[in-house]
Amino acid sequence: MTKYDVIIVGAGPAGYAAAMRAVDFHKKVLLIEKKQIGGAGIHHGALWSKTWWELSREAASLRKHQKAFNTINTAFDFQSIKAEVRQAVNERMEQLEHHMQNINVSREEDHLDFLVGNARVVGNHEVEVNTMDGVKKVEGEYIILATGSSPRKLSHLPIDEEHVYTSDGLDKLEDFPKSIVIVGAGVIGCEFATIFSNFGKTKVHLIDKGDRILPFEDEDVVKVIERNLEAKNVLIHRNSRLIDMKIENGMVVYTLEYTDGSKEVFRVEKALVSVGRVPTYNGLFDESVKVDIDERGIIDDRTQTSIPNIYAVGDITADISLVNVGELEGRFAIERIYGKPERDLVYENISTIMFLDPEVAGVGMNEIQAQQKGLDYKVVSIDYSCIPRAIAMRNTQGFIKILVTNDDKFEVLGMRVVGEHASSAIQAVALLISMGKGMKELAELIHPHPSIIEGIQECGRMLLGKSMLKPAVLRNAMTCKTYDHGKYADLIVN
């Protein structure tokens, strides 16, 4: 039986990151993957869907500026766009494969082995792999599980990946559907609603059981997204419950029941079920391996499971399911095993992006979360119309909002940016959160001009009472308030 220092099951973002960090420690590593390098993060998740989003955004821009660009009646070829998305996925996968295959050569060390097959943990130190060449058993001092997640399926819905899809099956589409209903108004559902509506070829229906989409986000953020979706003819079913869905004569027929008791029937060409993801661990363990698991995933204490030498990272755990979090956990697990980590594993300053219209980026708490924690805070915001770069881009829709402690330290609690370049604007504030610093550090820092991040500087100056533009004058574009014991009050009145 071949022996390794560490066996990693799953070569998605978390597993791959763990393998490469183990190589840094000069350990003998076996990385096992049953399908393709990169996992869902590349093939059906972040890279795949965000490439669709980027191309759809260009299409939406052409449609918006069709007179200026002389692109009236521009046609979008689905198969060509799909091929472009596939090329992006292949580029990243081939890069990771090339890197993995040559890592031993470049380091002149034989540290990393890769095995394609279906893995099963049959002992605390043993893994059985069903490969094309038969069953192979390997032994590892440590085992790291990184098998990811898969779309949650609802048993009462006729998911066939032909008429009713999950995100894993959408790449089977052969053309823009004339209409589609999306079940689930969370991040993924709203992202696909944005993608389909951007091309202008598909009538999108979006089912939301509450009175607004993205219920975990602040109302001011959601209003912008809802307004843009509805401007592109998206039908948002608010306060509705899906009580029936069936396939009739090649069409998807679904019935909604509203909070007032009324019902309504709709017919669309396709459906997408986007109601979250579930950890993938079925069949992963032999009965003799007693790893603690609940309905949310493998239970872990900073990546370590109930079996001390077995670790779990990425979507298979109950932690945050994001590519950057999975990579962070994979690296941390190795550092915890083989050396003292330079910093603890924390989730408070995780940066996130929602690829909507416009994009939304965030780090730390929003107002809903701060209020749920019973915190008093200061909140400052500036509209994109006050930022020269946004004016130059001819797109002033959006805003920057920052929450800080309700004291003179102005310690950053969180930030949300809605608008162009949102994802590029949050990293400095993420660093402040991780360092426990306040906005004073950014208020006088010289930012590049013109840039969106100048809005962050102006927010800091507002908090200090010395902004160039005064919120007392531009009340509709600038706010600076306190939230104290459930009530808002103006912080700056000059």
Protein backbone atom coordinates (compact mmCIF):
# COMPACT_ATOMS: atom_id res chain seq x y z
CA MET A 1 0.00 0.00 0.00
CA THR A 2 1.42 3.41 -1.03
CA LYS A 3 1.85 5.80 1.90
CA TYR A 4 1.50 9.58 1.85
CA ASP A 5 1.90 12.40 4.32
CA VAL A 6 -1.46 13.76 3.30
CA ILE A 7 -4.25 12.52 1.05
CA ILE A 8 -6.61 15.16 -0.34
CA VAL A 9 -9.97 14.06 -1.73
CA GLY A 10 -11.31 16.59 -4.23
CA ALA A 11 -9.38 18.86 -6.60
CA GLY A 12 -11.68 21.87 -6.55
CA PRO A 13 -10.53 25.24 -5.21
CA ALA A 14 -10.19 24.05 -1.59
CA GLY A 15 -8.47 20.76 -2.35
CA TYR A 16 -6.12 22.19 -4.96
CA ALA A 17 -5.09 25.01 -2.62
CA ALA A 18 -4.44 22.50 0.17
CA ALA A 19 -2.29 20.36 -2.13
CA MET A 20 -0.12 23.26 -3.23
CA ARG A 21 0.33 24.47 0.35
CA ALA A 22 1.39 20.96 1.38
CA VAL A 23 4.00 21.01 -1.37
CA ASP A 24 5.39 24.16 0.25
CA PHE A 25 6.04 22.06 3.36
CA HIS A 26 7.85 19.42 1.22
CA LYS A 27 5.26 16.76 2.04
CA LYS A 28 4.34 13.72 -0.02
CA VAL A 29 0.84 14.50 -1.31
CA LEU A 30 -1.84 12.53 -3.15
CA LEU A 31 -4.60 14.60 -4.76
CA ILE A 32 -7.67 12.61 -5.85
CA GLU A 33 -10.39 13.87 -8.19
CA LYS A 34 -13.26 11.85 -9.66
CA LYS A 35 -14.17 14.22 -12.49
CA GLN A 36 -12.26 17.35 -13.53
CA ILE A 37 -9.64 19.59 -12.00
CA GLY A 38 -11.17 22.78 -10.64
CA GLY A 39 -14.46 21.37 -9.40
CA ALA A 40 -17.75 23.23 -9.61
CA GLY A 41 -15.91 26.51 -9.00
CA ILE A 42 -14.64 26.35 -12.58
CA HIS A 43 -17.03 24.14 -14.50
CA HIS A 44 -20.49 25.09 -13.20
CA GLY A 45 -19.89 27.82 -10.64
CA ALA A 46 -17.88 30.99 -10.31
CA LEU A 47 -15.75 31.01 -13.48
CA TRP A 48 -18.39 29.49 -15.75
CA SER A 49 -21.30 31.65 -14.63
CA LYS A 50 -19.24 34.83 -14.33
CA THR A 51 -17.99 34.42 -17.91
CA TRP A 52 -21.64 34.24 -18.95
CA TRP A 53 -22.27 37.35 -16.86
CA GLU A 54 -19.39 39.29 -18.41
CA LEU A 55 -20.55 38.48 -21.94
CA SER A 56 -24.15 39.28 -21.07
CA ARG A 57 -23.05 42.62 -19.65
CA GLU A 58 -21.39 43.49 -22.97
CA ALA A 59 -24.58 42.49 -24.75
CA ALA A 60 -26.61 44.72 -22.44
CA SER A 61 -24.24 47.61 -23.12
CA LEU A 62 -24.63 47.16 -26.88
CA ARG A 63 -28.39 47.15 -26.47
CA LYS A 64 -28.30 50.24 -24.27
CA HIS A 65 -26.07 52.24 -26.62
CA GLN A 66 -27.32 50.78 -29.90
CA LYS A 67 -27.90 54.17 -31.54
CA ALA A 68 -24.49 55.55 -30.58
CA PHE A 69 -22.71 52.34 -31.60
CA ASN A 70 -24.93 51.72 -34.63
CA THR A 71 -25.75 48.25 -33.31
CA ILE A 72 -29.51 48.34 -33.78
CA ASN A 73 -30.98 44.82 -34.13
CA THR A 74 -27.70 43.19 -33.15
CA ALA A 75 -28.10 39.41 -33.01
CA PHE A 76 -26.47 37.32 -30.28
CA ASP A 77 -25.47 33.82 -31.35
CA PHE A 78 -25.99 31.45 -28.43
CA GLN A 79 -23.63 28.74 -29.64
CA SER A 80 -20.78 31.22 -30.21
CA ILE A 81 -21.27 32.69 -26.76
CA LYS A 82 -21.44 29.23 -25.23
CA ALA A 83 -18.18 28.31 -27.00
CA GLU A 84 -16.52 31.43 -25.58
CA VAL A 85 -17.60 30.42 -22.08
CA ARG A 86 -16.28 26.91 -22.59
CA GLN A 87 -12.98 28.30 -23.83
CA ALA A 88 -12.61 30.34 -20.64
CA VAL A 89 -13.28 27.24 -18.53
CA ASN A 90 -10.80 25.18 -20.55
CA GLU A 91 -8.10 27.83 -20.29
CA ARG A 92 -8.23 27.78 -16.52
CA MET A 93 -8.50 24.00 -16.27
CA GLU A 94 -5.57 23.46 -18.64
CA GLN A 95 -3.49 25.96 -16.69
CA LEU A 96 -4.14 24.12 -13.42
CA GLU A 97 -3.43 20.75 -15.05
CA HIS A 98 -0.15 22.00 -16.57
CA HIS A 99 0.86 23.49 -13.24
CA MET A 100 0.06 20.30 -11.35
CA GLN A 101 1.79 18.02 -13.85
CA ASN A 102 4.98 20.06 -13.79
CA ILE A 103 5.20 21.03 -10.14
CA ASN A 104 7.55 18.15 -9.33
CA VAL A 105 9.81 18.94 -12.28
CA SER A 106 10.08 22.62 -11.41
CA ARG A 107 10.97 21.87 -7.78
CA GLU A 108 13.15 18.85 -8.60
CA GLU A 109 11.23 16.92 -5.97
CA ASP A 110 8.68 14.13 -6.17
CA HIS A 111 6.01 15.55 -3.89
CA LEU A 112 2.67 15.51 -5.70
CA ASP A 113 0.78 12.55 -7.14
CA PHE A 114 -2.59 12.88 -8.86
CA LEU A 115 -5.16 10.13 -9.17
CA VAL A 116 -8.45 10.13 -11.07
CA GLY A 117 -11.13 8.05 -9.41
CA ASN A 118 -13.96 7.84 -6.92
CA ALA A 119 -12.53 7.95 -3.39
CA ARG A 120 -13.92 6.39 -0.24
CA VAL A 121 -12.47 6.78 3.24
CA VAL A 122 -12.33 3.23 4.62
CA GLY A 123 -10.24 3.90 7.74
CA ASN A 124 -8.90 6.81 9.73
CA HIS A 125 -5.73 6.64 7.63
CA GLU A 126 -6.90 4.71 4.56
CA VAL A 127 -8.61 5.73 1.34
CA GLU A 128 -9.89 3.38 -1.33
CA VAL A 129 -9.99 4.75 -4.89
CA ASN A 130 -12.05 3.19 -7.67
CA THR A 131 -10.09 4.04 -10.84
CA MET A 132 -10.26 3.05 -14.49
CA ASP A 133 -7.59 0.45 -13.73
CA GLY A 134 -9.35 -1.02 -10.72
CA VAL A 135 -9.46 -0.38 -7.00
CA LYS A 136 -6.40 1.10 -5.35
CA LYS A 137 -5.90 1.52 -1.62
CA VAL A 138 -3.62 4.23 -0.21
CA GLU A 139 -2.58 5.27 3.27
CA GLY A 140 -2.13 8.78 4.62
CA GLU A 141 -0.97 10.21 7.92
CA TYR A 142 -3.57 12.93 7.35
CA ILE A 143 -6.66 13.07 5.15
CA ILE A 144 -8.28 16.28 3.90
CA LEU A 145 -11.80 16.10 2.50
CA ALA A 146 -12.71 18.68 -0.14
CA THR A 147 -15.47 17.07 -2.19
CA GLY A 148 -17.50 20.26 -2.52
CA SER A 149 -21.24 20.56 -3.02
CA SER A 150 -24.00 20.04 -5.56
CA PRO A 151 -27.24 21.90 -6.33
CA ARG A 152 -30.05 21.24 -3.89
CA LYS A 153 -32.89 19.39 -5.57
CA LEU A 154 -36.52 19.49 -4.52
CA SER A 155 -38.18 16.10 -4.79
CA HIS A 156 -41.55 17.49 -5.90
CA LEU A 157 -40.07 19.29 -8.92
CA PRO A 158 -39.49 17.44 -12.23
CA ILE A 159 -35.78 18.26 -12.57
CA ASP A 160 -34.64 16.52 -15.76
CA GLU A 161 -31.85 18.89 -16.93
CA GLU A 162 -33.76 19.23 -20.20
CA HIS A 163 -36.76 21.34 -19.29
CA VAL A 164 -36.16 21.93 -15.58
CA TYR A 165 -32.50 22.60 -14.80
CA THR A 166 -30.13 23.04 -11.92
CA SER A 167 -27.06 25.24 -12.39
CA ASP A 168 -25.04 22.08 -13.12
CA GLY A 169 -27.24 21.30 -16.12
CA LEU A 170 -27.61 24.73 -17.68
CA ASP A 171 -24.63 24.17 -19.99
CA LYS A 172 -26.89 21.71 -21.86
CA LEU A 173 -28.98 24.61 -23.20
CA GLU A 174 -28.71 24.87 -26.99
CA ASP A 175 -30.29 28.30 -27.45
CA PHE A 176 -31.71 31.22 -25.53
CA PRO A 177 -35.05 30.06 -24.13
CA LYS A 178 -37.96 32.30 -25.02
CA SER A 179 -38.97 32.22 -21.35
CA ILE A 180 -37.63 30.80 -18.11
CA VAL A 181 -38.78 30.71 -14.51
CA ILE A 182 -36.14 30.80 -11.79
CA VAL A 183 -37.09 29.18 -8.48
CA GLY A 184 -35.17 30.98 -5.77
CA ALA A 185 -34.37 34.69 -5.46
CA GLY A 186 -31.04 34.35 -3.67
CA VAL A 187 -27.66 35.30 -5.12
CA ILE A 188 -27.43 32.54 -7.75
CA GLY A 189 -31.04 32.91 -8.87
CA CYS A 190 -30.68 36.68 -9.23
CA GLU A 191 -27.37 36.30 -11.07
CA PHE A 192 -28.97 34.05 -13.68
CA ALA A 193 -31.96 36.38 -13.91
CA THR A 194 -29.45 39.14 -14.68
CA ILE A 195 -27.61 37.05 -17.27
CA PHE A 196 -30.70 35.96 -19.22
CA SER A 197 -32.33 39.39 -19.11
CA ASN A 198 -29.12 41.14 -20.22
CA PHE A 199 -29.24 39.42 -23.60
CA GLY A 200 -32.85 40.51 -24.10
CA LYS A 201 -33.83 37.22 -25.68
CA THR A 202 -35.59 35.62 -22.71
CA LYS A 203 -38.62 36.58 -20.65
CA VAL A 204 -37.50 35.86 -17.08
CA HIS A 205 -39.81 34.98 -14.19
CA LEU A 206 -38.31 35.06 -10.70
CA ILE A 207 -40.11 33.45 -7.76
CA ASP A 208 -39.62 35.05 -4.35
CA LYS A 209 -41.50 33.85 -1.27
CA GLY A 210 -40.94 37.18 0.49
CA ASP A 211 -41.76 40.75 -0.40
CA ARG A 212 -38.34 41.35 -1.97
CA ILE A 213 -35.42 39.46 -3.49
CA LEU A 214 -32.10 38.96 -1.68
CA PRO A 215 -33.72 39.09 1.78
CA PHE A 216 -30.35 39.02 3.56
CA GLU A 217 -29.24 42.31 2.00
CA ASP A 218 -30.12 45.87 3.00
CA GLU A 219 -33.19 47.38 1.39
CA ASP A 220 -31.29 50.17 -0.38
CA VAL A 221 -29.12 47.58 -2.13
CA VAL A 222 -32.08 45.44 -3.14
CA LYS A 223 -34.09 48.34 -4.53
CA VAL A 224 -31.43 49.09 -7.14
CA ILE A 225 -31.26 45.46 -8.27
CA GLU A 226 -35.03 45.00 -8.39
CA ARG A 227 -35.51 48.22 -10.34
CA ASN A 228 -32.99 47.17 -12.98
CA LEU A 229 -34.36 43.65 -13.32
CA GLU A 230 -37.90 44.91 -13.80
CA ALA A 231 -36.67 47.53 -16.28
CA LYS A 232 -35.43 44.58 -18.37
CA ASN A 233 -38.88 42.98 -18.26
CA VAL A 234 -38.17 40.48 -15.48
CA LEU A 235 -41.36 39.40 -13.75
CA ILE A 236 -40.73 39.11 -10.00
CA HIS A 237 -43.34 36.98 -8.26
CA ARG A 238 -43.32 38.48 -4.76
CA ASN A 239 -44.97 36.88 -1.70
CA SER A 240 -45.51 33.71 -3.67
CA ARG A 241 -45.13 29.99 -3.06
CA LEU A 242 -44.56 27.40 -5.76
CA ILE A 243 -47.17 24.71 -5.17
CA ASP A 244 -46.91 22.76 -8.42
CA MET A 245 -44.63 22.34 -11.43
CA LYS A 246 -45.00 19.90 -14.29
CA ILE A 247 -43.93 19.42 -17.88
CA GLU A 248 -46.73 19.48 -20.46
CA ASN A 249 -46.13 19.22 -24.22
CA GLY A 250 -42.53 20.35 -23.83
CA MET A 251 -43.46 23.37 -21.71
CA VAL A 252 -43.00 23.98 -17.99
CA VAL A 253 -46.29 24.72 -16.25
CA TYR A 254 -46.09 26.05 -12.72
CA THR A 255 -48.64 27.21 -10.18
CA LEU A 256 -48.12 29.88 -7.55
CA GLU A 257 -50.06 30.58 -4.40
CA TYR A 258 -49.83 34.10 -3.01
CA THR A 259 -50.03 35.22 0.59
CA ASP A 260 -53.60 36.42 0.04
CA GLY A 261 -54.62 32.85 -0.87
CA SER A 262 -55.02 33.43 -4.61
CA LYS A 263 -53.43 31.11 -7.18
CA GLU A 264 -52.10 31.62 -10.67
CA VAL A 265 -50.81 29.32 -13.42
CA PHE A 266 -47.91 30.20 -15.77
CA ARG A 267 -46.36 28.50 -18.81
CA VAL A 268 -42.70 28.95 -19.72
CA GLU A 269 -40.21 27.17 -21.93
CA LYS A 270 -37.62 26.32 -19.26
CA ALA A 271 -37.13 26.40 -15.51
CA LEU A 272 -34.07 26.80 -13.28
CA VAL A 273 -34.16 25.55 -9.70
CA SER A 274 -31.75 27.62 -7.64
CA VAL A 275 -32.44 26.93 -3.97
CA GLY A 276 -28.93 26.51 -2.63
CA ARG A 277 -26.35 23.74 -2.59
CA VAL A 278 -25.79 20.70 -0.39
CA PRO A 279 -22.47 19.16 0.70
CA THR A 280 -21.27 16.14 -1.27
CA TYR A 281 -20.40 13.31 1.09
CA ASN A 282 -22.78 10.45 0.20
CA GLY A 283 -20.77 7.25 -0.08
CA LEU A 284 -17.62 9.00 1.07
CA PHE A 285 -17.20 7.07 4.33
CA ASP A 286 -17.12 3.44 5.30
CA GLU A 287 -19.38 2.65 8.26
CA SER A 288 -16.31 2.25 10.47
CA VAL A 289 -15.29 5.89 9.95
CA LYS A 290 -17.25 7.94 12.48
CA VAL A 291 -16.93 11.55 11.29
CA ASP A 292 -19.54 13.86 12.84
CA ILE A 293 -21.98 15.15 10.22
CA ASP A 294 -25.21 17.13 10.33
CA GLU A 295 -27.64 18.33 7.65
CA ARG A 296 -25.40 21.30 6.85
CA GLY A 297 -22.25 19.28 6.23
CA ILE A 298 -19.24 17.85 8.02
CA ILE A 299 -18.84 19.38 11.48
CA ASP A 300 -15.39 20.88 11.90
CA ASP A 301 -13.43 22.94 14.37
CA ARG A 302 -11.33 25.28 12.25
CA THR A 303 -11.11 22.56 9.53
CA GLN A 304 -10.42 19.64 11.92
CA THR A 305 -13.17 16.99 12.13
CA SER A 306 -14.13 14.76 15.05
CA ILE A 307 -11.35 12.39 13.91
CA PRO A 308 -8.13 14.31 14.73
CA ASN A 309 -6.15 13.38 11.59
CA ILE A 310 -9.07 13.98 9.18
CA TYR A 311 -9.81 17.54 8.05
CA ALA A 312 -12.61 19.02 5.95
CA VAL A 313 -12.48 22.19 3.86
CA GLY A 314 -14.67 24.05 1.38
CA ASP A 315 -18.34 23.43 0.63
CA ILE A 316 -18.41 20.04 2.36
CA THR A 317 -18.41 21.85 5.72
CA ALA A 318 -21.09 24.04 7.28
CA ASP A 319 -19.00 27.18 6.78
CA ILE A 320 -19.41 29.85 4.08
CA SER A 321 -19.60 28.31 0.58
CA LEU A 322 -17.36 30.54 -1.52
CA VAL A 323 -14.33 29.79 -3.68
CA ASN A 324 -12.10 32.21 -1.77
CA VAL A 325 -13.23 30.75 1.56
CA GLY A 326 -12.55 27.20 0.33
CA GLU A 327 -9.05 28.16 -0.74
CA LEU A 328 -8.46 29.88 2.59
CA GLU A 329 -9.63 26.82 4.51
CA GLY A 330 -7.52 24.46 2.39
CA ARG A 331 -4.37 26.44 3.04
CA PHE A 332 -5.20 26.86 6.72
CA ALA A 333 -5.73 23.12 7.23
CA ILE A 334 -2.24 22.35 5.93
CA GLU A 335 -0.69 25.13 7.98
CA ARG A 336 -2.47 23.87 11.08
CA ILE A 337 -1.23 20.33 10.46
CA TYR A 338 2.39 21.12 9.64
CA GLY A 339 3.11 24.43 11.28
CA LYS A 340 1.57 27.18 13.34
CA PRO A 341 -0.61 29.37 11.08
CA GLU A 342 0.46 32.99 10.89
CA ARG A 343 -3.11 34.02 11.59
CA ASP A 344 -6.26 32.32 12.78
CA LEU A 345 -9.08 31.31 10.46
CA VAL A 346 -11.66 34.10 10.62
CA TYR A 347 -14.63 34.89 8.42
CA GLU A 348 -15.47 38.46 9.46
CA ASN A 349 -13.53 40.12 6.64
CA ILE A 350 -14.46 37.79 3.78
CA SER A 351 -15.05 39.79 0.61
CA THR A 352 -17.99 38.82 -1.58
CA ILE A 353 -19.28 39.82 -5.01
CA MET A 354 -22.78 39.43 -6.42
CA PHE A 355 -22.76 39.56 -10.20
CA LEU A 356 -25.99 41.42 -10.72
CA ASP A 357 -26.97 44.64 -12.48
CA PRO A 358 -25.08 46.50 -11.23
CA GLU A 359 -22.56 44.31 -9.44
CA VAL A 360 -22.64 44.33 -5.64
CA ALA A 361 -19.54 43.84 -3.50
CA GLY A 362 -19.37 43.61 0.24
CA VAL A 363 -17.19 42.87 3.22
CA GLY A 364 -18.11 42.58 6.89
CA MET A 365 -21.59 43.32 8.19
CA ASN A 366 -24.47 45.07 6.50
CA GLU A 367 -27.09 47.00 8.43
CA ILE A 368 -29.40 44.01 8.83
CA GLN A 369 -26.63 42.00 10.46
CA ALA A 370 -25.48 44.87 12.67
CA GLN A 371 -29.00 45.45 13.93
CA GLN A 372 -29.52 41.73 14.54
CA LYS A 373 -26.43 41.83 16.76
CA GLY A 374 -27.89 44.77 18.66
CA LEU A 375 -25.09 47.12 17.62
CA ASP A 376 -25.21 50.89 17.48
CA TYR A 377 -23.21 52.29 14.58
CA LYS A 378 -22.54 55.16 12.24
CA VAL A 379 -23.42 54.73 8.58
CA VAL A 380 -22.12 56.92 5.78
CA SER A 381 -22.93 56.68 2.08
CA ILE A 382 -22.17 58.48 -1.15
CA ASP A 383 -23.94 58.15 -4.46
CA TYR A 384 -21.99 57.33 -7.63
CA SER A 385 -23.24 60.63 -9.07
CA CYS A 386 -20.70 62.34 -6.77
CA ILE A 387 -17.75 60.28 -8.07
CA PRO A 388 -15.99 61.66 -11.19
CA ARG A 389 -14.99 58.22 -12.49
CA ALA A 390 -18.62 57.08 -12.50
CA ILE A 391 -19.60 60.25 -14.36
CA ALA A 392 -16.87 59.58 -16.93
CA MET A 393 -18.14 56.01 -17.39
CA ARG A 394 -21.60 57.48 -18.05
CA ASN A 395 -23.01 55.22 -15.40
CA THR A 396 -23.74 56.90 -12.09
CA GLN A 397 -26.12 54.26 -10.81
CA GLY A 398 -24.88 52.95 -7.49
CA PHE A 399 -23.49 53.96 -4.13
CA ILE A 400 -20.89 53.21 -1.49
CA LYS A 401 -22.03 52.57 2.08
CA ILE A 402 -19.77 52.05 5.11
CA LEU A 403 -20.67 51.07 8.67
CA VAL A 404 -18.35 52.02 11.54
CA THR A 405 -18.52 51.81 15.33
CA ASN A 406 -20.53 54.49 17.08
CA ASP A 407 -17.53 56.12 18.72
CA ASP A 408 -14.54 58.27 17.81
CA LYS A 409 -12.49 55.28 16.62
CA PHE A 410 -14.67 54.77 13.51
CA GLU A 411 -13.65 51.10 13.48
CA VAL A 412 -15.00 49.55 10.29
CA LEU A 413 -17.83 47.05 10.70
CA GLY A 414 -18.68 46.53 7.06
CA MET A 415 -19.13 48.01 3.61
CA ARG A 416 -21.36 47.54 0.58
CA VAL A 417 -20.65 48.90 -2.89
CA VAL A 418 -23.32 48.84 -5.58
CA GLY A 419 -22.20 49.84 -9.07
CA GLU A 420 -19.44 49.65 -11.66
CA HIS A 421 -16.04 48.49 -10.34
CA ALA A 422 -17.65 47.50 -7.05
CA SER A 423 -15.39 44.49 -6.63
CA SER A 424 -12.29 46.67 -6.98
CA ALA A 425 -13.38 49.04 -4.23
CA ILE A 426 -13.61 46.82 -1.18
CA GLN A 427 -10.16 45.39 -0.54
CA ALA A 428 -8.69 48.31 1.39
CA VAL A 429 -11.68 48.31 3.73
CA ALA A 430 -11.39 44.51 4.10
CA LEU A 431 -7.82 45.06 5.27
CA LEU A 432 -8.98 47.66 7.80
CA ILE A 433 -11.53 45.22 9.19
CA SER A 434 -8.96 42.45 9.54
CA MET A 435 -6.60 44.85 11.33
CA GLY A 436 -9.29 46.33 13.56
CA LYS A 437 -8.55 49.78 12.18
CA GLY A 438 -10.82 52.74 11.55
CA MET A 439 -11.71 54.99 8.63
CA LYS A 440 -9.27 57.72 9.65
CA GLU A 441 -6.47 55.78 7.93
CA LEU A 442 -8.23 56.02 4.57
CA ALA A 443 -9.65 59.52 4.87
CA GLU A 444 -6.36 61.28 4.10
CA LEU A 445 -4.75 58.63 1.90
CA ILE A 446 -4.18 59.95 -1.63
CA HIS A 447 -6.36 57.84 -3.90
CA PRO A 448 -5.86 57.60 -7.68
CA HIS A 449 -7.95 60.01 -9.72
CA PRO A 450 -10.36 59.47 -11.26
CA SER A 451 -11.35 56.23 -9.55
CA ILE A 452 -14.37 54.76 -7.83
CA ILE A 453 -12.44 54.34 -4.59
CA GLU A 454 -12.31 58.10 -4.21
CA GLY A 455 -15.85 57.66 -2.92
CA ILE A 456 -14.45 55.69 0.03
CA GLN A 457 -12.15 58.58 0.86
CA GLU A 458 -15.04 61.01 0.77
CA CYS A 459 -17.01 58.73 3.10
CA GLY A 460 -14.14 58.85 5.57
CA ARG A 461 -13.98 62.60 5.35
CA MET A 462 -17.72 62.84 5.94
CA LEU A 463 -17.31 60.90 9.16
CA LEU A 464 -14.61 63.35 10.23
CA GLY A 465 -16.77 66.33 9.30
CA LYS A 466 -14.44 67.61 6.57
CA SER A 467 -15.71 66.25 3.28
CA MET A 468 -15.33 68.33 0.14
CA LEU A 469 -18.97 67.80 -0.84
CA LYS A 470 -21.36 68.50 2.02
CA PRO A 471 -24.20 66.09 2.84
CA ALA A 472 -26.30 68.99 4.10
CA VAL A 473 -26.37 70.29 0.53
CA LEU A 474 -26.48 67.01 -1.40
CA ARG A 475 -29.00 65.28 0.82
CA ASN A 476 -30.19 62.94 -1.92
CA ALA A 477 -26.67 61.80 -2.76
CA MET A 478 -24.79 61.83 0.56
CA THR A 479 -25.81 60.63 4.01
CA CYS A 480 -24.05 60.41 7.34
CA LYS A 481 -26.16 59.10 10.21
CA THR A 482 -26.03 57.32 13.52
CA TYR A 483 -28.11 54.28 14.38
CA ASP A 484 -28.58 54.35 18.13
CA HIS A 485 -31.05 52.16 20.04
CA GLY A 486 -33.16 51.51 16.95
CA LYS A 487 -33.32 55.11 15.70
CA TYR A 488 -31.51 57.00 12.94
CA ALA A 489 -30.26 60.56 13.38
CA ASP A 490 -28.19 62.88 11.17
CA LEU A 491 -24.57 62.86 12.24
CA ILE A 492 -23.38 65.80 10.17
CA VAL A 493 -25.58 68.80 9.45
CA ASN A 494 -23.06 71.23 7.94
